Amino acid sequence: MANTLINIALPVVNEIIDDVLATGPSASYRETFMGSDARDRLATFVLSRLPARYMTITDSECSLDLPRNCYSAEQHRQIRQLVHQGIQKVLARPVSPTPDTLIPSTWFG
């Protein structure tokens, strides 16, 4: 049998983010996180607080189609809690354009 190594954290985190935003208390959350920058920051916040999770796939027990089955109910609860914390953190720090002084092309004249 052939083995495949996959990182299962990102699809699970994205699925939980979608669920939280869809069932969240405010439509403004959904609007705020429709932009890829805020959504990417939220996913980064959550993923940076989770251990890397890789699986070797040899059968259909855990597949790319159902990576959520690779996490326990408690782990799903913890990820959901991190998503809520990340929403608050991202909303507290608005997205701002990069100042010209930080653009590398301006560093050397």
PDB file of N, CA and C in Angstrom:
ATOM      1  N   MET A   1       0.828  -1.193   0.000  1.00  0.00           N
ATOM      2  CA  MET A   1       0.000   0.000   0.000  1.00  0.00           C
ATOM      3  C   MET A   1       0.866   1.248   0.000  1.00  0.00           C
ATOM      4  N   ALA A   2       0.424   2.243  -0.721  1.00  0.00           N
ATOM      5  CA  ALA A   2       1.134   3.517  -0.763  1.00  0.00           C
ATOM      6  C   ALA A   2       0.654   4.400   0.379  1.00  0.00           C
ATOM      7  N   ASN A   3       1.592   5.117   0.983  1.00  0.00           N
ATOM      8  CA  ASN A   3       1.266   6.046   2.057  1.00  0.00           C
ATOM      9  C   ASN A   3       1.350   7.474   1.545  1.00  0.00           C
ATOM     10  N   THR A   4       0.492   8.338   2.074  1.00  0.00           N
ATOM     11  CA  THR A   4       0.506   9.753   1.728  1.00  0.00           C
ATOM     12  C   THR A   4       0.559  10.547   3.013  1.00  0.00           C
ATOM     13  N   LEU A   5       1.484  11.482   3.111  1.00  0.00           N
ATOM     14  CA  LEU A   5       1.626  12.341   4.280  1.00  0.00           C
ATOM     15  C   LEU A   5       0.889  13.643   4.012  1.00  0.00           C
ATOM     16  N   ILE A   6      -0.046  14.009   4.886  1.00  0.00           N
ATOM     17  CA  ILE A   6      -0.806  15.249   4.702  1.00  0.00           C
ATOM     18  C   ILE A   6      -0.845  16.030   6.008  1.00  0.00           C
ATOM     19  N   ASN A   7      -0.933  17.353   5.877  1.00  0.00           N
ATOM     20  CA  ASN A   7      -1.146  18.241   7.022  1.00  0.00           C
ATOM     21  C   ASN A   7      -2.651  18.446   7.121  1.00  0.00           C
ATOM     22  N   ILE A   8      -3.240  18.004   8.201  1.00  0.00           N
ATOM     23  CA  ILE A   8      -4.698  18.066   8.310  1.00  0.00           C
ATOM     24  C   ILE A   8      -5.197  19.278   9.079  1.00  0.00           C
ATOM     25  N   ALA A   9      -4.310  20.073   9.649  1.00  0.00           N
ATOM     26  CA  ALA A   9      -4.754  21.188  10.478  1.00  0.00           C
ATOM     27  C   ALA A   9      -5.466  22.266   9.667  1.00  0.00           C
ATOM     28  N   LEU A  10      -4.911  22.690   8.548  1.00  0.00           N
ATOM     29  CA  LEU A  10      -5.490  23.804   7.797  1.00  0.00           C
ATOM     30  C   LEU A  10      -6.911  23.538   7.320  1.00  0.00           C
ATOM     31  N   PRO A  11      -7.210  22.390   6.702  1.00  0.00           N
ATOM     32  CA  PRO A  11      -8.595  22.187   6.285  1.00  0.00           C
ATOM     33  C   PRO A  11      -9.574  22.148   7.458  1.00  0.00           C
ATOM     34  N   VAL A  12      -9.153  21.597   8.574  1.00  0.00           N
ATOM     35  CA  VAL A  12     -10.030  21.541   9.747  1.00  0.00           C
ATOM     36  C   VAL A  12     -10.258  22.946  10.299  1.00  0.00           C
ATOM     37  N   VAL A  13      -9.191  23.735  10.413  1.00  0.00           N
ATOM     38  CA  VAL A  13      -9.315  25.101  10.916  1.00  0.00           C
ATOM     39  C   VAL A  13     -10.197  25.919   9.979  1.00  0.00           C
ATOM     40  N   ASN A  14     -10.011  25.797   8.673  1.00  0.00           N
ATOM     41  CA  ASN A  14     -10.851  26.538   7.721  1.00  0.00           C
ATOM     42  C   ASN A  14     -12.317  26.145   7.840  1.00  0.00           C
ATOM     43  N   GLU A  15     -12.570  24.873   8.017  1.00  0.00           N
ATOM     44  CA  GLU A  15     -13.950  24.398   8.173  1.00  0.00           C
ATOM     45  C   GLU A  15     -14.587  24.981   9.438  1.00  0.00           C
ATOM     46  N   ILE A  16     -13.844  24.989  10.526  1.00  0.00           N
ATOM     47  CA  ILE A  16     -14.382  25.524  11.786  1.00  0.00           C
ATOM     48  C   ILE A  16     -14.563  27.038  11.681  1.00  0.00           C
ATOM     49  N   ILE A  17     -13.632  27.740  11.037  1.00  0.00           N
ATOM     50  CA  ILE A  17     -13.789  29.184  10.834  1.00  0.00           C
ATOM     51  C   ILE A  17     -15.066  29.450  10.036  1.00  0.00           C
ATOM     52  N   ASP A  18     -15.293  28.709   8.960  1.00  0.00           N
ATOM     53  CA  ASP A  18     -16.508  28.875   8.155  1.00  0.00           C
ATOM     54  C   ASP A  18     -17.751  28.672   9.008  1.00  0.00           C
ATOM     55  N   ASP A  19     -17.733  27.632   9.836  1.00  0.00           N
ATOM     56  CA  ASP A  19     -18.884  27.335  10.686  1.00  0.00           C
ATOM     57  C   ASP A  19     -19.129  28.446  11.702  1.00  0.00           C
ATOM     58  N   VAL A  20     -18.065  28.917  12.359  1.00  0.00           N
ATOM     59  CA  VAL A  20     -18.204  29.971  13.368  1.00  0.00           C
ATOM     60  C   VAL A  20     -18.712  31.252  12.720  1.00  0.00           C
ATOM     61  N   LEU A  21     -18.178  31.609  11.568  1.00  0.00           N
ATOM     62  CA  LEU A  21     -18.611  32.835  10.899  1.00  0.00           C
ATOM     63  C   LEU A  21     -20.050  32.721  10.390  1.00  0.00           C
ATOM     64  N   ALA A  22     -20.458  31.528   9.959  1.00  0.00           N
ATOM     65  CA  ALA A  22     -21.817  31.330   9.462  1.00  0.00           C
ATOM     66  C   ALA A  22     -22.850  31.373  10.572  1.00  0.00           C
ATOM     67  N   THR A  23     -22.465  30.913  11.762  1.00  0.00           N
ATOM     68  CA  THR A  23     -23.420  30.847  12.870  1.00  0.00           C
ATOM     69  C   THR A  23     -23.165  31.929  13.911  1.00  0.00           C
ATOM     70  N   GLY A  24     -22.225  32.815  13.611  1.00  0.00           N
ATOM     71  CA  GLY A  24     -21.854  33.861  14.569  1.00  0.00           C
ATOM     72  C   GLY A  24     -22.974  34.836  14.833  1.00  0.00           C
ATOM     73  N   PRO A  25     -22.820  35.610  15.903  1.00  0.00           N
ATOM     74  CA  PRO A  25     -23.875  36.526  16.322  1.00  0.00           C
ATOM     75  C   PRO A  25     -24.018  37.759  15.437  1.00  0.00           C
ATOM     76  N   SER A  26     -23.046  38.021  14.602  1.00  0.00           N
ATOM     77  CA  SER A  26     -23.081  39.273  13.862  1.00  0.00           C
ATOM     78  C   SER A  26     -22.721  39.063  12.400  1.00  0.00           C
ATOM     79  N   ALA A  27     -23.527  39.662  11.537  1.00  0.00           N
ATOM     80  CA  ALA A  27     -23.223  39.606  10.107  1.00  0.00           C
ATOM     81  C   ALA A  27     -21.975  40.411   9.799  1.00  0.00           C
ATOM     82  N   SER A  28     -21.628  41.371  10.656  1.00  0.00           N
ATOM     83  CA  SER A  28     -20.424  42.166  10.407  1.00  0.00           C
ATOM     84  C   SER A  28     -19.167  41.310  10.491  1.00  0.00           C
ATOM     85  N   TYR A  29     -19.190  40.239  11.299  1.00  0.00           N
ATOM     86  CA  TYR A  29     -18.056  39.318  11.347  1.00  0.00           C
ATOM     87  C   TYR A  29     -17.833  38.720   9.967  1.00  0.00           C
ATOM     88  N   ARG A  30     -18.912  38.240   9.377  1.00  0.00           N
ATOM     89  CA  ARG A  30     -18.806  37.620   8.056  1.00  0.00           C
ATOM     90  C   ARG A  30     -18.263  38.607   7.037  1.00  0.00           C
ATOM     91  N   GLU A  31     -18.759  39.833   7.070  1.00  0.00           N
ATOM     92  CA  GLU A  31     -18.305  40.854   6.126  1.00  0.00           C
ATOM     93  C   GLU A  31     -16.833  41.184   6.344  1.00  0.00           C
ATOM     94  N   THR A  32     -16.420  41.305   7.602  1.00  0.00           N
ATOM     95  CA  THR A  32     -15.031  41.627   7.921  1.00  0.00           C
ATOM     96  C   THR A  32     -14.095  40.548   7.440  1.00  0.00           C
ATOM     97  N   PHE A  33     -14.491  39.297   7.598  1.00  0.00           N
ATOM     98  CA  PHE A  33     -13.606  38.186   7.271  1.00  0.00           C
ATOM     99  C   PHE A  33     -13.791  37.658   5.854  1.00  0.00           C
ATOM    100  N   MET A  34     -14.590  38.339   5.048  1.00  0.00           N
ATOM    101  CA  MET A  34     -14.702  37.973   3.635  1.00  0.00           C
ATOM    102  C   MET A  34     -13.414  38.330   2.904  1.00  0.00           C
ATOM    103  N   GLY A  35     -12.754  39.407   3.331  1.00  0.00           N
ATOM    104  CA  GLY A  35     -11.477  39.791   2.733  1.00  0.00           C
ATOM    105  C   GLY A  35     -10.413  38.781   3.111  1.00  0.00           C
ATOM    106  N   SER A  36      -9.572  38.455   2.175  1.00  0.00           N
ATOM    107  CA  SER A  36      -8.596  37.393   2.422  1.00  0.00           C
ATOM    108  C   SER A  36      -7.572  37.772   3.493  1.00  0.00           C
ATOM    109  N   ASP A  37      -7.238  39.066   3.630  1.00  0.00           N
ATOM    110  CA  ASP A  37      -6.224  39.449   4.612  1.00  0.00           C
ATOM    111  C   ASP A  37      -6.698  39.163   6.037  1.00  0.00           C
ATOM    112  N   ALA A  38      -7.905  39.582   6.372  1.00  0.00           N
ATOM    113  CA  ALA A  38      -8.427  39.340   7.720  1.00  0.00           C
ATOM    114  C   ALA A  38      -8.639  37.843   7.941  1.00  0.00           C
ATOM    115  N   ARG A  39      -9.115  37.161   6.942  1.00  0.00           N
ATOM    116  CA  ARG A  39      -9.334  35.712   7.053  1.00  0.00           C
ATOM    117  C   ARG A  39      -7.999  34.976   7.234  1.00  0.00           C
ATOM    118  N   ASP A  40      -6.988  35.391   6.471  1.00  0.00           N
ATOM    119  CA  ASP A  40      -5.663  34.774   6.606  1.00  0.00           C
ATOM    120  C   ASP A  40      -5.072  35.037   7.986  1.00  0.00           C
ATOM    121  N   ARG A  41      -5.268  36.253   8.513  1.00  0.00           N
ATOM    122  CA  ARG A  41      -4.755  36.556   9.853  1.00  0.00           C
ATOM    123  C   ARG A  41      -5.452  35.712  10.904  1.00  0.00           C
ATOM    124  N   LEU A  42      -6.761  35.491  10.733  1.00  0.00           N
ATOM    125  CA  LEU A  42      -7.497  34.649  11.673  1.00  0.00           C
ATOM    126  C   LEU A  42      -6.987  33.209  11.609  1.00  0.00           C
ATOM    127  N   ALA A  43      -6.826  32.669  10.413  1.00  0.00           N
ATOM    128  CA  ALA A  43      -6.313  31.301  10.276  1.00  0.00           C
ATOM    129  C   ALA A  43      -4.900  31.196  10.844  1.00  0.00           C
ATOM    130  N   THR A  44      -4.071  32.209  10.611  1.00  0.00           N
ATOM    131  CA  THR A  44      -2.709  32.210  11.152  1.00  0.00           C
ATOM    132  C   THR A  44      -2.725  32.233  12.665  1.00  0.00           C
ATOM    133  N   PHE A  45      -3.602  33.049  13.249  1.00  0.00           N
ATOM    134  CA  PHE A  45      -3.735  33.118  14.709  1.00  0.00           C
ATOM    135  C   PHE A  45      -4.037  31.732  15.268  1.00  0.00           C
ATOM    136  N   VAL A  46      -5.001  31.052  14.683  1.00  0.00           N
ATOM    137  CA  VAL A  46      -5.410  29.737  15.189  1.00  0.00           C
ATOM    138  C   VAL A  46      -4.311  28.697  14.956  1.00  0.00           C
ATOM    139  N   LEU A  47      -3.774  28.637  13.737  1.00  0.00           N
ATOM    140  CA  LEU A  47      -2.771  27.620  13.414  1.00  0.00           C
ATOM    141  C   LEU A  47      -1.496  27.778  14.231  1.00  0.00           C
ATOM    142  N   SER A  48      -1.136  29.024  14.568  1.00  0.00           N
ATOM    143  CA  SER A  48       0.088  29.231  15.342  1.00  0.00           C
ATOM    144  C   SER A  48      -0.064  28.764  16.788  1.00  0.00           C
ATOM    145  N   ARG A  49      -1.279  28.502  17.212  1.00  0.00           N
ATOM    146  CA  ARG A  49      -1.526  28.047  18.575  1.00  0.00           C
ATOM    147  C   ARG A  49      -1.859  26.561  18.648  1.00  0.00           C
ATOM    148  N   LEU A  50      -1.791  25.893  17.517  1.00  0.00           N
ATOM    149  CA  LEU A  50      -2.053  24.455  17.462  1.00  0.00           C
ATOM    150  C   LEU A  50      -0.766  23.712  17.134  1.00  0.00           C
ATOM    151  N   PRO A  51      -0.614  22.519  17.659  1.00  0.00           N
ATOM    152  CA  PRO A  51       0.538  21.716  17.234  1.00  0.00           C
ATOM    153  C   PRO A  51       0.325  21.280  15.782  1.00  0.00           C
ATOM    154  N   ALA A  52       1.411  21.165  15.046  1.00  0.00           N
ATOM    155  CA  ALA A  52       1.317  20.678  13.668  1.00  0.00           C
ATOM    156  C   ALA A  52       0.745  19.274  13.698  1.00  0.00           C
ATOM    157  N   ARG A  53      -0.111  18.985  12.785  1.00  0.00           N
ATOM    158  CA  ARG A  53      -0.769  17.672  12.777  1.00  0.00           C
ATOM    159  C   ARG A  53      -0.669  17.071  11.393  1.00  0.00           C
ATOM    160  N   TYR A  54       0.078  16.000  11.281  1.00  0.00           N
ATOM    161  CA  TYR A  54       0.254  15.306  10.019  1.00  0.00           C
ATOM    162  C   TYR A  54      -0.266  13.887  10.163  1.00  0.00           C
ATOM    163  N   MET A  55      -0.785  13.380   9.091  1.00  0.00           N
ATOM    164  CA  MET A  55      -1.288  12.013   9.085  1.00  0.00           C
ATOM    165  C   MET A  55      -0.719  11.285   7.873  1.00  0.00           C
ATOM    166  N   THR A  56      -0.500  10.010   8.037  1.00  0.00           N
ATOM    167  CA  THR A  56      -0.160   9.145   6.919  1.00  0.00           C
ATOM    168  C   THR A  56      -1.427   8.394   6.553  1.00  0.00           C
ATOM    169  N   ILE A  57      -1.851   8.562   5.342  1.00  0.00           N
ATOM    170  CA  ILE A  57      -3.097   7.965   4.891  1.00  0.00           C
ATOM    171  C   ILE A  57      -2.795   6.665   4.159  1.00  0.00           C
ATOM    172  N   THR A  58      -3.405   5.597   4.645  1.00  0.00           N
ATOM    173  CA  THR A  58      -3.283   4.305   3.964  1.00  0.00           C
ATOM    174  C   THR A  58      -4.649   3.697   3.692  1.00  0.00           C
ATOM    175  N   ASP A  59      -5.689   4.212   4.332  1.00  0.00           N
ATOM    176  CA  ASP A  59      -7.033   3.708   4.089  1.00  0.00           C
ATOM    177  C   ASP A  59      -8.031   4.867   4.228  1.00  0.00           C
ATOM    178  N   SER A  60      -9.304   4.588   4.189  1.00  0.00           N
ATOM    179  CA  SER A  60     -10.322   5.638   4.190  1.00  0.00           C
ATOM    180  C   SER A  60     -10.731   6.096   5.594  1.00  0.00           C
ATOM    181  N   GLU A  61     -10.051   5.612   6.634  1.00  0.00           N
ATOM    182  CA  GLU A  61     -10.395   6.018   8.005  1.00  0.00           C
ATOM    183  C   GLU A  61     -10.264   7.527   8.181  1.00  0.00           C
ATOM    184  N   CYS A  62      -9.193   8.075   7.666  1.00  0.00           N
ATOM    185  CA  CYS A  62      -8.963   9.517   7.720  1.00  0.00           C
ATOM    186  C   CYS A  62      -8.462   9.921   6.349  1.00  0.00           C
ATOM    187  N   SER A  63      -9.241  10.696   5.648  1.00  0.00           N
ATOM    188  CA  SER A  63      -8.847  11.045   4.293  1.00  0.00           C
ATOM    189  C   SER A  63      -8.878  12.549   4.107  1.00  0.00           C
ATOM    190  N   LEU A  64      -8.414  12.987   2.959  1.00  0.00           N
ATOM    191  CA  LEU A  64      -8.463  14.407   2.638  1.00  0.00           C
ATOM    192  C   LEU A  64      -9.900  14.907   2.594  1.00  0.00           C
ATOM    193  N   ASP A  65     -10.842  14.017   2.311  1.00  0.00           N
ATOM    194  CA  ASP A  65     -12.247  14.415   2.251  1.00  0.00           C
ATOM    195  C   ASP A  65     -12.839  14.631   3.644  1.00  0.00           C
ATOM    196  N   LEU A  66     -12.328  13.938   4.649  1.00  0.00           N
ATOM    197  CA  LEU A  66     -12.883  14.020   5.997  1.00  0.00           C
ATOM    198  C   LEU A  66     -11.799  14.219   7.057  1.00  0.00           C
ATOM    199  N   PRO A  67     -10.969  15.264   6.953  1.00  0.00           N
ATOM    200  CA  PRO A  67      -9.911  15.438   7.948  1.00  0.00           C
ATOM    201  C   PRO A  67     -10.451  15.759   9.337  1.00  0.00           C
ATOM    202  N   ARG A  68     -11.686  16.250   9.421  1.00  0.00           N
ATOM    203  CA  ARG A  68     -12.254  16.578  10.736  1.00  0.00           C
ATOM    204  C   ARG A  68     -12.375  15.341  11.615  1.00  0.00           C
ATOM    205  N   ASN A  69     -12.470  14.160  10.997  1.00  0.00           N
ATOM    206  CA  ASN A  69     -12.571  12.922  11.773  1.00  0.00           C
ATOM    207  C   ASN A  69     -11.256  12.569  12.467  1.00  0.00           C
ATOM    208  N   CYS A  70     -10.182  13.269  12.125  1.00  0.00           N
ATOM    209  CA  CYS A  70      -8.884  13.004  12.720  1.00  0.00           C
ATOM    210  C   CYS A  70      -8.695  13.756  14.038  1.00  0.00           C
ATOM    211  N   TYR A  71      -9.648  14.595  14.403  1.00  0.00           N
ATOM    212  CA  TYR A  71      -9.596  15.357  15.651  1.00  0.00           C
ATOM    213  C   TYR A  71     -10.730  14.908  16.560  1.00  0.00           C
ATOM    214  N   SER A  72     -10.470  14.901  17.850  1.00  0.00           N
ATOM    215  CA  SER A  72     -11.498  14.523  18.825  1.00  0.00           C
ATOM    216  C   SER A  72     -12.482  15.680  19.014  1.00  0.00           C
ATOM    217  N   ALA A  73     -13.582  15.396  19.669  1.00  0.00           N
ATOM    218  CA  ALA A  73     -14.574  16.438  19.958  1.00  0.00           C
ATOM    219  C   ALA A  73     -13.952  17.531  20.832  1.00  0.00           C
ATOM    220  N   GLU A  74     -13.096  17.157  21.769  1.00  0.00           N
ATOM    221  CA  GLU A  74     -12.430  18.135  22.638  1.00  0.00           C
ATOM    222  C   GLU A  74     -11.494  19.020  21.812  1.00  0.00           C
ATOM    223  N   GLN A  75     -10.786  18.446  20.863  1.00  0.00           N
ATOM    224  CA  GLN A  75      -9.898  19.242  20.008  1.00  0.00           C
ATOM    225  C   GLN A  75     -10.702  20.203  19.131  1.00  0.00           C
ATOM    226  N   HIS A  76     -11.854  19.762  18.657  1.00  0.00           N
ATOM    227  CA  HIS A  76     -12.730  20.656  17.883  1.00  0.00           C
ATOM    228  C   HIS A  76     -13.188  21.820  18.755  1.00  0.00           C
ATOM    229  N   ARG A  77     -13.522  21.543  20.003  1.00  0.00           N
ATOM    230  CA  ARG A  77     -13.955  22.597  20.915  1.00  0.00           C
ATOM    231  C   ARG A  77     -12.822  23.597  21.140  1.00  0.00           C
ATOM    232  N   GLN A  78     -11.611  23.092  21.317  1.00  0.00           N
ATOM    233  CA  GLN A  78     -10.464  23.977  21.534  1.00  0.00           C
ATOM    234  C   GLN A  78     -10.178  24.836  20.298  1.00  0.00           C
ATOM    235  N   ILE A  79     -10.275  24.255  19.121  1.00  0.00           N
ATOM    236  CA  ILE A  79     -10.062  25.027  17.887  1.00  0.00           C
ATOM    237  C   ILE A  79     -11.141  26.094  17.746  1.00  0.00           C
ATOM    238  N   ARG A  80     -12.383  25.727  18.043  1.00  0.00           N
ATOM    239  CA  ARG A  80     -13.488  26.690  17.979  1.00  0.00           C
ATOM    240  C   ARG A  80     -13.245  27.852  18.941  1.00  0.00           C
ATOM    241  N   GLN A  81     -12.752  27.546  20.130  1.00  0.00           N
ATOM    242  CA  GLN A  81     -12.436  28.580  21.117  1.00  0.00           C
ATOM    243  C   GLN A  81     -11.320  29.490  20.590  1.00  0.00           C
ATOM    244  N   LEU A  82     -10.306  28.915  19.963  1.00  0.00           N
ATOM    245  CA  LEU A  82      -9.231  29.711  19.373  1.00  0.00           C
ATOM    246  C   LEU A  82      -9.752  30.602  18.249  1.00  0.00           C
ATOM    247  N   VAL A  83     -10.707  30.099  17.469  1.00  0.00           N
ATOM    248  CA  VAL A  83     -11.296  30.920  16.402  1.00  0.00           C
ATOM    249  C   VAL A  83     -11.993  32.128  17.007  1.00  0.00           C
ATOM    250  N   HIS A  84     -12.750  31.923  18.081  1.00  0.00           N
ATOM    251  CA  HIS A  84     -13.431  33.043  18.743  1.00  0.00           C
ATOM    252  C   HIS A  84     -12.417  34.049  19.294  1.00  0.00           C
ATOM    253  N   GLN A  85     -11.342  33.551  19.905  1.00  0.00           N
ATOM    254  CA  GLN A  85     -10.295  34.450  20.404  1.00  0.00           C
ATOM    255  C   GLN A  85      -9.641  35.201  19.252  1.00  0.00           C
ATOM    256  N   GLY A  86      -9.393  34.503  18.158  1.00  0.00           N
ATOM    257  CA  GLY A  86      -8.772  35.132  16.996  1.00  0.00           C
ATOM    258  C   GLY A  86      -9.651  36.198  16.377  1.00  0.00           C
ATOM    259  N   ILE A  87     -10.952  35.961  16.337  1.00  0.00           N
ATOM    260  CA  ILE A  87     -11.876  36.970  15.806  1.00  0.00           C
ATOM    261  C   ILE A  87     -11.758  38.240  16.624  1.00  0.00           C
ATOM    262  N   GLN A  88     -11.771  38.102  17.940  1.00  0.00           N
ATOM    263  CA  GLN A  88     -11.658  39.280  18.802  1.00  0.00           C
ATOM    264  C   GLN A  88     -10.318  39.990  18.596  1.00  0.00           C
ATOM    265  N   LYS A  89      -9.253  39.229  18.470  1.00  0.00           N
ATOM    266  CA  LYS A  89      -7.918  39.811  18.296  1.00  0.00           C
ATOM    267  C   LYS A  89      -7.808  40.525  16.948  1.00  0.00           C
ATOM    268  N   VAL A  90      -8.269  39.891  15.886  1.00  0.00           N
ATOM    269  CA  VAL A  90      -8.187  40.491  14.560  1.00  0.00           C
ATOM    270  C   VAL A  90      -9.065  41.737  14.489  1.00  0.00           C
ATOM    271  N   LEU A  91     -10.248  41.698  15.094  1.00  0.00           N
ATOM    272  CA  LEU A  91     -11.129  42.861  15.073  1.00  0.00           C
ATOM    273  C   LEU A  91     -10.557  44.011  15.897  1.00  0.00           C
ATOM    274  N   ALA A  92      -9.779  43.687  16.921  1.00  0.00           N
ATOM    275  CA  ALA A  92      -9.180  44.727  17.765  1.00  0.00           C
ATOM    276  C   ALA A  92      -8.024  45.425  17.064  1.00  0.00           C
ATOM    277  N   ARG A  93      -7.402  44.758  16.085  1.00  0.00           N
ATOM    278  CA  ARG A  93      -6.280  45.334  15.360  1.00  0.00           C
ATOM    279  C   ARG A  93      -6.679  45.465  13.897  1.00  0.00           C
ATOM    280  N   PRO A  94      -7.138  46.646  13.504  1.00  0.00           N
ATOM    281  CA  PRO A  94      -7.625  46.816  12.134  1.00  0.00           C
ATOM    282  C   PRO A  94      -6.511  46.633  11.107  1.00  0.00           C
ATOM    283  N   VAL A  95      -6.927  46.234   9.928  1.00  0.00           N
ATOM    284  CA  VAL A  95      -5.991  46.068   8.820  1.00  0.00           C
ATOM    285  C   VAL A  95      -5.588  47.454   8.338  1.00  0.00           C
ATOM    286  N   SER A  96      -4.286  47.713   8.273  1.00  0.00           N
ATOM    287  CA  SER A  96      -3.815  49.004   7.801  1.00  0.00           C
ATOM    288  C   SER A  96      -2.850  48.788   6.658  1.00  0.00           C
ATOM    289  N   PRO A  97      -2.842  49.703   5.718  1.00  0.00           N
ATOM    290  CA  PRO A  97      -1.899  49.552   4.610  1.00  0.00           C
ATOM    291  C   PRO A  97      -0.468  49.677   5.106  1.00  0.00           C
ATOM    292  N   THR A  98       0.435  49.061   4.404  1.00  0.00           N
ATOM    293  CA  THR A  98       1.848  49.100   4.771  1.00  0.00           C
ATOM    294  C   THR A  98       2.391  50.507   4.526  1.00  0.00           C
ATOM    295  N   PRO A  99       2.989  51.136   5.534  1.00  0.00           N
ATOM    296  CA  PRO A  99       3.566  52.457   5.311  1.00  0.00           C
ATOM    297  C   PRO A  99       4.710  52.383   4.302  1.00  0.00           C
ATOM    298  N   ASP A 100       4.887  53.461   3.553  1.00  0.00           N
ATOM    299  CA  ASP A 100       5.937  53.492   2.533  1.00  0.00           C
ATOM    300  C   ASP A 100       7.315  53.228   3.117  1.00  0.00           C
ATOM    301  N   THR A 101       7.527  53.585   4.386  1.00  0.00           N
ATOM    302  CA  THR A 101       8.846  53.403   4.989  1.00  0.00           C
ATOM    303  C   THR A 101       9.184  51.940   5.206  1.00  0.00           C
ATOM    304  N   LEU A 102       8.198  51.044   5.150  1.00  0.00           N
ATOM    305  CA  LEU A 102       8.446  49.625   5.353  1.00  0.00           C
ATOM    306  C   LEU A 102       8.540  48.846   4.050  1.00  0.00           C
ATOM    307  N   ILE A 103       8.329  49.497   2.928  1.00  0.00           N
ATOM    308  CA  ILE A 103       8.420  48.829   1.647  1.00  0.00           C
ATOM    309  C   ILE A 103       9.891  48.713   1.271  1.00  0.00           C
ATOM    310  N   PRO A 104      10.399  47.494   1.037  1.00  0.00           N
ATOM    311  CA  PRO A 104      11.844  47.312   0.783  1.00  0.00           C
ATOM    312  C   PRO A 104      12.397  48.171  -0.335  1.00  0.00           C
ATOM    313  N   SER A 105      11.604  48.496  -1.345  1.00  0.00           N
ATOM    314  CA  SER A 105      12.131  49.266  -2.470  1.00  0.00           C
ATOM    315  C   SER A 105      12.535  50.683  -2.065  1.00  0.00           C
ATOM    316  N   THR A 106      12.099  51.151  -0.906  1.00  0.00           N
ATOM    317  CA  THR A 106      12.447  52.503  -0.463  1.00  0.00           C
ATOM    318  C   THR A 106      13.648  52.512   0.480  1.00  0.00           C
ATOM    319  N   TRP A 107      14.145  51.359   0.846  1.00  0.00           N
ATOM    320  CA  TRP A 107      15.210  51.292   1.854  1.00  0.00           C
ATOM    321  C   TRP A 107      16.540  51.859   1.361  1.00  0.00           C
ATOM    322  N   PHE A 108      16.836  51.713   0.092  1.00  0.00           N
ATOM    323  CA  PHE A 108      18.158  52.081  -0.411  1.00  0.00           C
ATOM    324  C   PHE A 108      18.132  53.251  -1.395  1.00  0.00           C
ATOM    325  N   GLY A 109      17.115  54.043  -1.330  1.00  0.00           N
ATOM    326  CA  GLY A 109      17.095  55.241  -2.152  1.00  0.00           C
ATOM    327  C   GLY A 109      16.262  55.071  -3.303  1.00  0.00           C
TER     328      GLY A 109
END
